[in-house]
Structure formats: C-alpha cells, structure tokens
Amino acid sequence: MSETKIPASYQDLIAPKVAFAHLATVMPDGTPQVTPVWFDVVGDRVRVNTARGRIKDRNMQQNAAVALSIIDPENPYRHLAIRGRIVKVTEEGADAHIDSLAKKYLNKDSYPFRRPEEVRVIYEIQPTSVSAMG
C-alpha cells in the first residue's frame, strides 16, 4: 500500500528505535548515489543533515528528487520505502540539529565528527510516496 505519510504502525522506526536511512540522490549524469544517513521526522517531513560540499549536498541542490529506505534494525524484512522531494534547505539550526541526531544515534550531546571549516545544512523531504512492508 502506498501513501504519502508514514503509517502509525511504523512510527517506531523514527523513535524509539535507532534506524538508519539509506538516502538515494541523483548524480549530474543521472546515475543513482546512495548514502546511509541519520534522520528525524518533523510533522510529515523527513529531515537529513549533511555538510556543504558533500556529494549528497551537491546532488540535492541540483535535483530535488530523492528516495529513502529505512530498515527495522530488529527485523530486516520490515521496512519503509519513501520517495519525495526536497522542499526546504537551511543552514539555520543545522548545528543544533546534527547535535540532536548525535544524541539519538551515538548518545553523545554533541556531534563528535565536526570539522572546524564545516558548514552544516538541513534538507527537509516531503514524501510523495510511502510504502511499508513487513
């Protein structure tokens, strides 16, 4: 069944479970590129955080179409497949956001891999299709 919202019965993949998302973006030559990412959800939107200049950052600036696959860490046959579009890009609050994701994924109060020259950015994805299995 395909919807545009994450079903209530799969909200545990957002929290309390610590599930990674595999983010698919489109390279300039049209080929896919996939990266495992930390994520959270605010309202209906999925948020990912990256540093300016990374491949996924460059790809999402050029093409707003993305997809995410989120697998239940306790049952790999249970997963969400989300297709969507980037609807908001902001550097505002991005440092605090990566710190909150570090708390979720590493149980650390601040993101331990930050580089001094790094500029963080939040990408908000509005799902256009959500499929759940398992």
N, C-alpha and C. Protein backbone atom coordinates (compact mmCIF):
# COMPACT_ATOMS: atom_id res chain seq x y z
N MET A 1 0.83 -1.18 0.00
CA MET A 1 0.00 0.00 0.00
C MET A 1 0.88 1.25 0.00
N SER A 2 0.61 2.19 -0.88
CA SER A 2 1.41 3.40 -1.00
C SER A 2 0.60 4.59 -0.49
N GLU A 3 1.22 5.38 0.38
CA GLU A 3 0.61 6.58 0.94
C GLU A 3 1.61 7.71 0.82
N THR A 4 1.31 8.84 1.44
CA THR A 4 2.27 9.93 1.49
C THR A 4 2.66 10.26 2.92
N LYS A 5 2.19 9.47 3.86
CA LYS A 5 2.55 9.63 5.27
C LYS A 5 3.10 8.32 5.80
N ILE A 6 3.99 8.41 6.78
CA ILE A 6 4.50 7.21 7.43
C ILE A 6 3.37 6.62 8.27
N PRO A 7 3.01 5.35 8.04
CA PRO A 7 1.92 4.75 8.81
C PRO A 7 2.21 4.73 10.31
N ALA A 8 1.18 4.87 11.11
CA ALA A 8 1.32 4.88 12.57
C ALA A 8 2.04 3.63 13.05
N SER A 9 1.78 2.50 12.42
CA SER A 9 2.39 1.23 12.85
C SER A 9 3.88 1.15 12.54
N TYR A 10 4.43 2.16 11.85
CA TYR A 10 5.86 2.20 11.54
C TYR A 10 6.57 3.38 12.21
N GLN A 11 5.86 4.10 13.06
CA GLN A 11 6.46 5.23 13.75
C GLN A 11 7.61 4.81 14.65
N ASP A 12 7.64 3.55 15.07
CA ASP A 12 8.75 3.08 15.92
C ASP A 12 10.09 3.12 15.19
N LEU A 13 10.07 3.17 13.86
CA LEU A 13 11.32 3.27 13.11
C LEU A 13 11.89 4.69 13.18
N ILE A 14 11.06 5.65 13.58
CA ILE A 14 11.51 7.02 13.78
C ILE A 14 12.10 7.12 15.19
N ALA A 15 11.36 6.63 16.16
CA ALA A 15 11.77 6.56 17.57
C ALA A 15 10.78 5.62 18.25
N PRO A 16 11.18 4.80 19.15
CA PRO A 16 12.42 4.81 19.90
C PRO A 16 13.57 4.04 19.23
N LYS A 17 13.27 3.26 18.20
CA LYS A 17 14.36 2.51 17.55
C LYS A 17 15.35 3.47 16.89
N VAL A 18 16.56 3.02 16.74
CA VAL A 18 17.60 3.80 16.08
C VAL A 18 17.86 3.14 14.73
N ALA A 19 17.09 3.56 13.75
CA ALA A 19 17.19 3.01 12.40
C ALA A 19 17.91 4.02 11.50
N PHE A 20 18.78 3.51 10.65
CA PHE A 20 19.43 4.35 9.65
C PHE A 20 18.56 4.40 8.41
N ALA A 21 18.67 5.49 7.67
CA ALA A 21 18.01 5.59 6.37
C ALA A 21 19.10 5.52 5.31
N HIS A 22 18.78 4.91 4.20
CA HIS A 22 19.66 4.95 3.04
C HIS A 22 19.05 5.96 2.08
N LEU A 23 19.77 7.05 1.87
CA LEU A 23 19.30 8.16 1.06
C LEU A 23 19.83 8.02 -0.35
N ALA A 24 18.91 7.99 -1.30
CA ALA A 24 19.29 7.93 -2.72
C ALA A 24 19.10 9.31 -3.34
N THR A 25 20.16 9.79 -3.98
CA THR A 25 20.11 11.05 -4.72
C THR A 25 20.52 10.76 -6.16
N VAL A 26 20.40 11.77 -7.00
CA VAL A 26 20.71 11.60 -8.42
C VAL A 26 21.95 12.41 -8.78
N MET A 27 22.94 11.73 -9.33
CA MET A 27 24.18 12.38 -9.77
C MET A 27 23.90 13.24 -11.02
N PRO A 28 24.77 14.19 -11.34
CA PRO A 28 24.55 15.01 -12.54
C PRO A 28 24.40 14.20 -13.83
N ASP A 29 25.05 13.03 -13.90
CA ASP A 29 24.93 12.20 -15.11
C ASP A 29 23.70 11.30 -15.09
N GLY A 30 22.84 11.45 -14.06
CA GLY A 30 21.60 10.69 -13.99
C GLY A 30 21.71 9.38 -13.25
N THR A 31 22.90 8.99 -12.82
CA THR A 31 23.06 7.74 -12.10
C THR A 31 22.71 7.94 -10.62
N PRO A 32 22.27 6.87 -9.96
CA PRO A 32 21.92 7.00 -8.54
C PRO A 32 23.15 6.98 -7.65
N GLN A 33 23.01 7.60 -6.49
CA GLN A 33 24.04 7.62 -5.46
C GLN A 33 23.31 7.37 -4.14
N VAL A 34 23.83 6.45 -3.32
CA VAL A 34 23.17 6.09 -2.07
C VAL A 34 24.14 6.25 -0.91
N THR A 35 23.64 6.83 0.18
CA THR A 35 24.44 7.06 1.38
C THR A 35 23.60 6.72 2.61
N PRO A 36 24.15 5.97 3.57
CA PRO A 36 23.43 5.79 4.84
C PRO A 36 23.47 7.11 5.61
N VAL A 37 22.34 7.50 6.19
CA VAL A 37 22.25 8.77 6.90
C VAL A 37 21.45 8.63 8.19
N TRP A 38 21.76 9.54 9.11
CA TRP A 38 20.90 9.75 10.27
C TRP A 38 19.73 10.61 9.81
N PHE A 39 18.60 10.47 10.47
CA PHE A 39 17.42 11.25 10.08
C PHE A 39 16.51 11.45 11.28
N ASP A 40 15.60 12.39 11.14
CA ASP A 40 14.47 12.51 12.06
C ASP A 40 13.28 12.96 11.24
N VAL A 41 12.14 13.04 11.89
CA VAL A 41 10.90 13.44 11.23
C VAL A 41 10.26 14.54 12.04
N VAL A 42 9.86 15.60 11.36
CA VAL A 42 9.11 16.69 11.97
C VAL A 42 7.84 16.87 11.16
N GLY A 43 6.71 16.66 11.80
CA GLY A 43 5.45 16.67 11.06
C GLY A 43 5.46 15.51 10.08
N ASP A 44 5.22 15.81 8.82
CA ASP A 44 5.23 14.78 7.78
C ASP A 44 6.57 14.72 7.05
N ARG A 45 7.49 15.62 7.38
CA ARG A 45 8.74 15.72 6.63
C ARG A 45 9.89 14.95 7.30
N VAL A 46 10.68 14.31 6.46
CA VAL A 46 11.90 13.64 6.90
C VAL A 46 13.03 14.66 6.77
N ARG A 47 13.87 14.75 7.82
CA ARG A 47 14.99 15.68 7.78
C ARG A 47 16.30 14.91 7.82
N VAL A 48 17.23 15.30 6.95
CA VAL A 48 18.59 14.78 6.97
C VAL A 48 19.52 15.97 7.07
N ASN A 49 20.71 15.71 7.59
CA ASN A 49 21.69 16.77 7.83
C ASN A 49 22.99 16.34 7.18
N THR A 50 23.63 17.27 6.49
CA THR A 50 24.91 16.97 5.87
C THR A 50 25.79 18.22 5.92
N ALA A 51 26.99 18.09 5.43
CA ALA A 51 27.90 19.24 5.35
C ALA A 51 27.90 19.75 3.91
N ARG A 52 28.00 21.06 3.77
CA ARG A 52 28.10 21.66 2.45
C ARG A 52 29.28 21.06 1.70
N GLY A 53 29.05 20.79 0.40
CA GLY A 53 30.12 20.30 -0.46
C GLY A 53 30.16 18.79 -0.62
N ARG A 54 29.48 18.05 0.25
CA ARG A 54 29.47 16.60 0.10
C ARG A 54 28.65 16.22 -1.12
N ILE A 55 28.86 15.00 -1.60
CA ILE A 55 28.18 14.56 -2.83
C ILE A 55 26.67 14.67 -2.68
N LYS A 56 26.11 14.20 -1.57
CA LYS A 56 24.65 14.25 -1.43
C LYS A 56 24.15 15.69 -1.39
N ASP A 57 24.93 16.60 -0.77
CA ASP A 57 24.58 18.01 -0.74
C ASP A 57 24.53 18.57 -2.17
N ARG A 58 25.57 18.31 -2.93
CA ARG A 58 25.61 18.82 -4.31
C ARG A 58 24.47 18.22 -5.14
N ASN A 59 24.23 16.92 -4.98
CA ASN A 59 23.16 16.28 -5.75
C ASN A 59 21.79 16.85 -5.40
N MET A 60 21.52 17.04 -4.10
CA MET A 60 20.20 17.53 -3.69
C MET A 60 20.00 19.00 -4.08
N GLN A 61 21.09 19.77 -4.22
CA GLN A 61 20.97 21.14 -4.70
C GLN A 61 20.54 21.16 -6.17
N GLN A 62 21.00 20.17 -6.93
CA GLN A 62 20.73 20.12 -8.37
C GLN A 62 19.44 19.41 -8.73
N ASN A 63 19.01 18.47 -7.87
CA ASN A 63 17.83 17.65 -8.19
C ASN A 63 17.10 17.36 -6.89
N ALA A 64 15.88 17.84 -6.78
CA ALA A 64 15.10 17.73 -5.55
C ALA A 64 14.49 16.34 -5.34
N ALA A 65 14.59 15.45 -6.32
CA ALA A 65 14.02 14.11 -6.20
C ALA A 65 14.96 13.21 -5.41
N VAL A 66 14.44 12.59 -4.35
CA VAL A 66 15.23 11.68 -3.51
C VAL A 66 14.37 10.49 -3.13
N ALA A 67 15.04 9.48 -2.57
CA ALA A 67 14.34 8.33 -2.02
C ALA A 67 15.08 7.88 -0.77
N LEU A 68 14.34 7.29 0.17
CA LEU A 68 14.93 6.77 1.39
C LEU A 68 14.41 5.36 1.63
N SER A 69 15.28 4.52 2.11
CA SER A 69 14.91 3.18 2.56
C SER A 69 15.30 3.10 4.03
N ILE A 70 14.34 2.75 4.87
CA ILE A 70 14.57 2.66 6.32
C ILE A 70 14.22 1.23 6.74
N ILE A 71 15.22 0.51 7.23
CA ILE A 71 15.05 -0.90 7.61
C ILE A 71 14.99 -1.00 9.12
N ASP A 72 14.05 -1.80 9.61
CA ASP A 72 13.93 -2.06 11.04
C ASP A 72 15.19 -2.78 11.50
N PRO A 73 15.95 -2.22 12.45
CA PRO A 73 17.18 -2.87 12.90
C PRO A 73 16.96 -4.22 13.57
N GLU A 74 15.73 -4.49 13.98
CA GLU A 74 15.41 -5.76 14.63
C GLU A 74 14.81 -6.79 13.67
N ASN A 75 14.39 -6.33 12.48
CA ASN A 75 13.76 -7.23 11.51
C ASN A 75 13.98 -6.66 10.11
N PRO A 76 15.02 -7.12 9.39
CA PRO A 76 15.33 -6.53 8.09
C PRO A 76 14.26 -6.75 7.02
N TYR A 77 13.26 -7.58 7.31
CA TYR A 77 12.18 -7.78 6.36
C TYR A 77 11.05 -6.77 6.55
N ARG A 78 11.20 -5.91 7.56
CA ARG A 78 10.23 -4.84 7.83
C ARG A 78 10.91 -3.52 7.50
N HIS A 79 10.33 -2.79 6.56
CA HIS A 79 10.99 -1.55 6.15
C HIS A 79 10.00 -0.56 5.55
N LEU A 80 10.50 0.66 5.43
CA LEU A 80 9.78 1.73 4.75
C LEU A 80 10.56 2.14 3.50
N ALA A 81 9.85 2.43 2.45
CA ALA A 81 10.44 3.00 1.24
C ALA A 81 9.72 4.32 1.00
N ILE A 82 10.50 5.39 1.00
CA ILE A 82 9.93 6.74 0.86
C ILE A 82 10.53 7.41 -0.37
N ARG A 83 9.66 7.90 -1.24
CA ARG A 83 10.10 8.75 -2.33
C ARG A 83 9.59 10.15 -2.02
N GLY A 84 10.39 11.16 -2.36
CA GLY A 84 9.94 12.50 -2.05
C GLY A 84 10.76 13.56 -2.75
N ARG A 85 10.48 14.80 -2.34
CA ARG A 85 11.14 15.96 -2.91
C ARG A 85 11.67 16.84 -1.79
N ILE A 86 12.81 17.44 -2.04
CA ILE A 86 13.37 18.42 -1.12
C ILE A 86 12.46 19.65 -1.18
N VAL A 87 11.93 20.07 -0.03
CA VAL A 87 11.06 21.24 0.00
C VAL A 87 11.64 22.39 0.81
N LYS A 88 12.68 22.10 1.59
CA LYS A 88 13.32 23.16 2.37
C LYS A 88 14.78 22.81 2.58
N VAL A 89 15.63 23.81 2.43
CA VAL A 89 17.06 23.67 2.67
C VAL A 89 17.46 24.84 3.55
N THR A 90 18.12 24.56 4.68
CA THR A 90 18.52 25.65 5.55
C THR A 90 19.79 25.31 6.33
N GLU A 91 20.60 26.31 6.53
CA GLU A 91 21.75 26.18 7.43
C GLU A 91 21.35 26.59 8.84
N GLU A 92 20.24 27.32 8.96
CA GLU A 92 19.77 27.80 10.26
C GLU A 92 19.36 26.61 11.14
N GLY A 93 19.97 26.51 12.30
CA GLY A 93 19.66 25.43 13.22
C GLY A 93 20.32 24.11 12.89
N ALA A 94 21.14 24.09 11.85
CA ALA A 94 21.73 22.82 11.39
C ALA A 94 22.76 22.26 12.37
N ASP A 95 23.50 23.13 13.06
CA ASP A 95 24.45 22.64 14.06
C ASP A 95 23.72 21.99 15.23
N ALA A 96 22.66 22.63 15.71
CA ALA A 96 21.87 22.05 16.80
C ALA A 96 21.20 20.75 16.34
N HIS A 97 20.77 20.71 15.08
CA HIS A 97 20.13 19.51 14.54
C HIS A 97 21.09 18.33 14.51
N ILE A 98 22.33 18.54 14.04
CA ILE A 98 23.28 17.43 14.00
C ILE A 98 23.63 16.98 15.41
N ASP A 99 23.63 17.91 16.37
CA ASP A 99 23.85 17.52 17.77
C ASP A 99 22.70 16.65 18.27
N SER A 100 21.47 16.99 17.92
CA SER A 100 20.31 16.17 18.35
C SER A 100 20.36 14.79 17.70
N LEU A 101 20.83 14.71 16.46
CA LEU A 101 20.98 13.41 15.81
C LEU A 101 22.11 12.61 16.45
N ALA A 102 23.18 13.28 16.87
CA ALA A 102 24.27 12.59 17.57
C ALA A 102 23.75 12.00 18.89
N LYS A 103 22.83 12.71 19.54
CA LYS A 103 22.25 12.19 20.78
C LYS A 103 21.44 10.92 20.47
N LYS A 104 20.65 10.96 19.42
CA LYS A 104 19.83 9.82 19.03
C LYS A 104 20.68 8.62 18.62
N TYR A 105 21.68 8.85 17.78
CA TYR A 105 22.43 7.74 17.18
C TYR A 105 23.67 7.32 17.96
N LEU A 106 24.26 8.23 18.72
CA LEU A 106 25.51 7.91 19.42
C LEU A 106 25.41 8.09 20.94
N ASN A 107 24.27 8.64 21.39
CA ASN A 107 24.09 9.00 22.79
C ASN A 107 25.18 9.98 23.25
N LYS A 108 25.53 10.90 22.35
CA LYS A 108 26.51 11.97 22.64
C LYS A 108 25.76 13.30 22.58
N ASP A 109 26.15 14.23 23.45
CA ASP A 109 25.48 15.52 23.49
C ASP A 109 25.82 16.42 22.31
N SER A 110 26.97 16.18 21.70
CA SER A 110 27.33 16.96 20.51
C SER A 110 27.95 16.04 19.47
N TYR A 111 27.84 16.46 18.23
CA TYR A 111 28.35 15.69 17.09
C TYR A 111 29.87 15.61 17.17
N PRO A 112 30.44 14.43 17.37
CA PRO A 112 31.88 14.31 17.63
C PRO A 112 32.77 14.39 16.38
N PHE A 113 32.18 14.37 15.18
CA PHE A 113 32.98 14.35 13.95
C PHE A 113 33.03 15.70 13.26
N ARG A 114 32.56 16.75 13.92
CA ARG A 114 32.51 18.09 13.35
C ARG A 114 33.92 18.58 13.02
N ARG A 115 34.04 19.20 11.87
CA ARG A 115 35.30 19.82 11.46
C ARG A 115 35.13 21.33 11.55
N PRO A 116 36.18 22.05 11.94
CA PRO A 116 36.05 23.50 12.14
C PRO A 116 35.51 24.25 10.92
N GLU A 117 35.91 23.83 9.72
CA GLU A 117 35.51 24.54 8.50
C GLU A 117 34.14 24.11 7.97
N GLU A 118 33.55 23.12 8.60
CA GLU A 118 32.32 22.51 8.11
C GLU A 118 31.10 23.43 8.29
N VAL A 119 30.28 23.51 7.26
CA VAL A 119 29.01 24.22 7.32
C VAL A 119 27.92 23.18 7.18
N ARG A 120 27.11 23.04 8.22
CA ARG A 120 26.05 22.03 8.23
C ARG A 120 24.79 22.58 7.56
N VAL A 121 24.00 21.68 7.00
CA VAL A 121 22.77 22.07 6.32
C VAL A 121 21.71 20.99 6.55
N ILE A 122 20.47 21.43 6.73
CA ILE A 122 19.33 20.52 6.89
C ILE A 122 18.56 20.50 5.57
N TYR A 123 18.24 19.29 5.12
CA TYR A 123 17.36 19.10 3.97
C TYR A 123 16.06 18.48 4.47
N GLU A 124 14.94 19.13 4.17
CA GLU A 124 13.63 18.59 4.53
C GLU A 124 13.00 17.97 3.29
N ILE A 125 12.54 16.74 3.47
CA ILE A 125 11.98 15.96 2.37
C ILE A 125 10.49 15.76 2.62
N GLN A 126 9.68 16.17 1.66
CA GLN A 126 8.25 15.92 1.71
C GLN A 126 7.96 14.63 0.97
N PRO A 127 7.49 13.59 1.67
CA PRO A 127 7.19 12.34 0.97
C PRO A 127 6.09 12.51 -0.07
N THR A 128 6.31 11.89 -1.22
CA THR A 128 5.28 11.82 -2.26
C THR A 128 4.73 10.41 -2.36
N SER A 129 5.48 9.45 -1.81
CA SER A 129 5.07 8.05 -1.79
C SER A 129 5.74 7.37 -0.61
N VAL A 130 4.95 6.67 0.20
CA VAL A 130 5.47 5.90 1.32
C VAL A 130 4.91 4.49 1.22
N SER A 131 5.80 3.51 1.13
CA SER A 131 5.40 2.12 1.09
C SER A 131 6.00 1.41 2.29
N ALA A 132 5.18 0.61 2.96
CA ALA A 132 5.64 -0.14 4.14
C ALA A 132 5.52 -1.62 3.87
N MET A 133 6.51 -2.37 4.34
CA MET A 133 6.49 -3.83 4.19
C MET A 133 6.90 -4.49 5.47
N GLY A 134 6.32 -5.64 5.73
CA GLY A 134 6.74 -6.47 6.85
C GLY A 134 5.86 -6.44 8.01
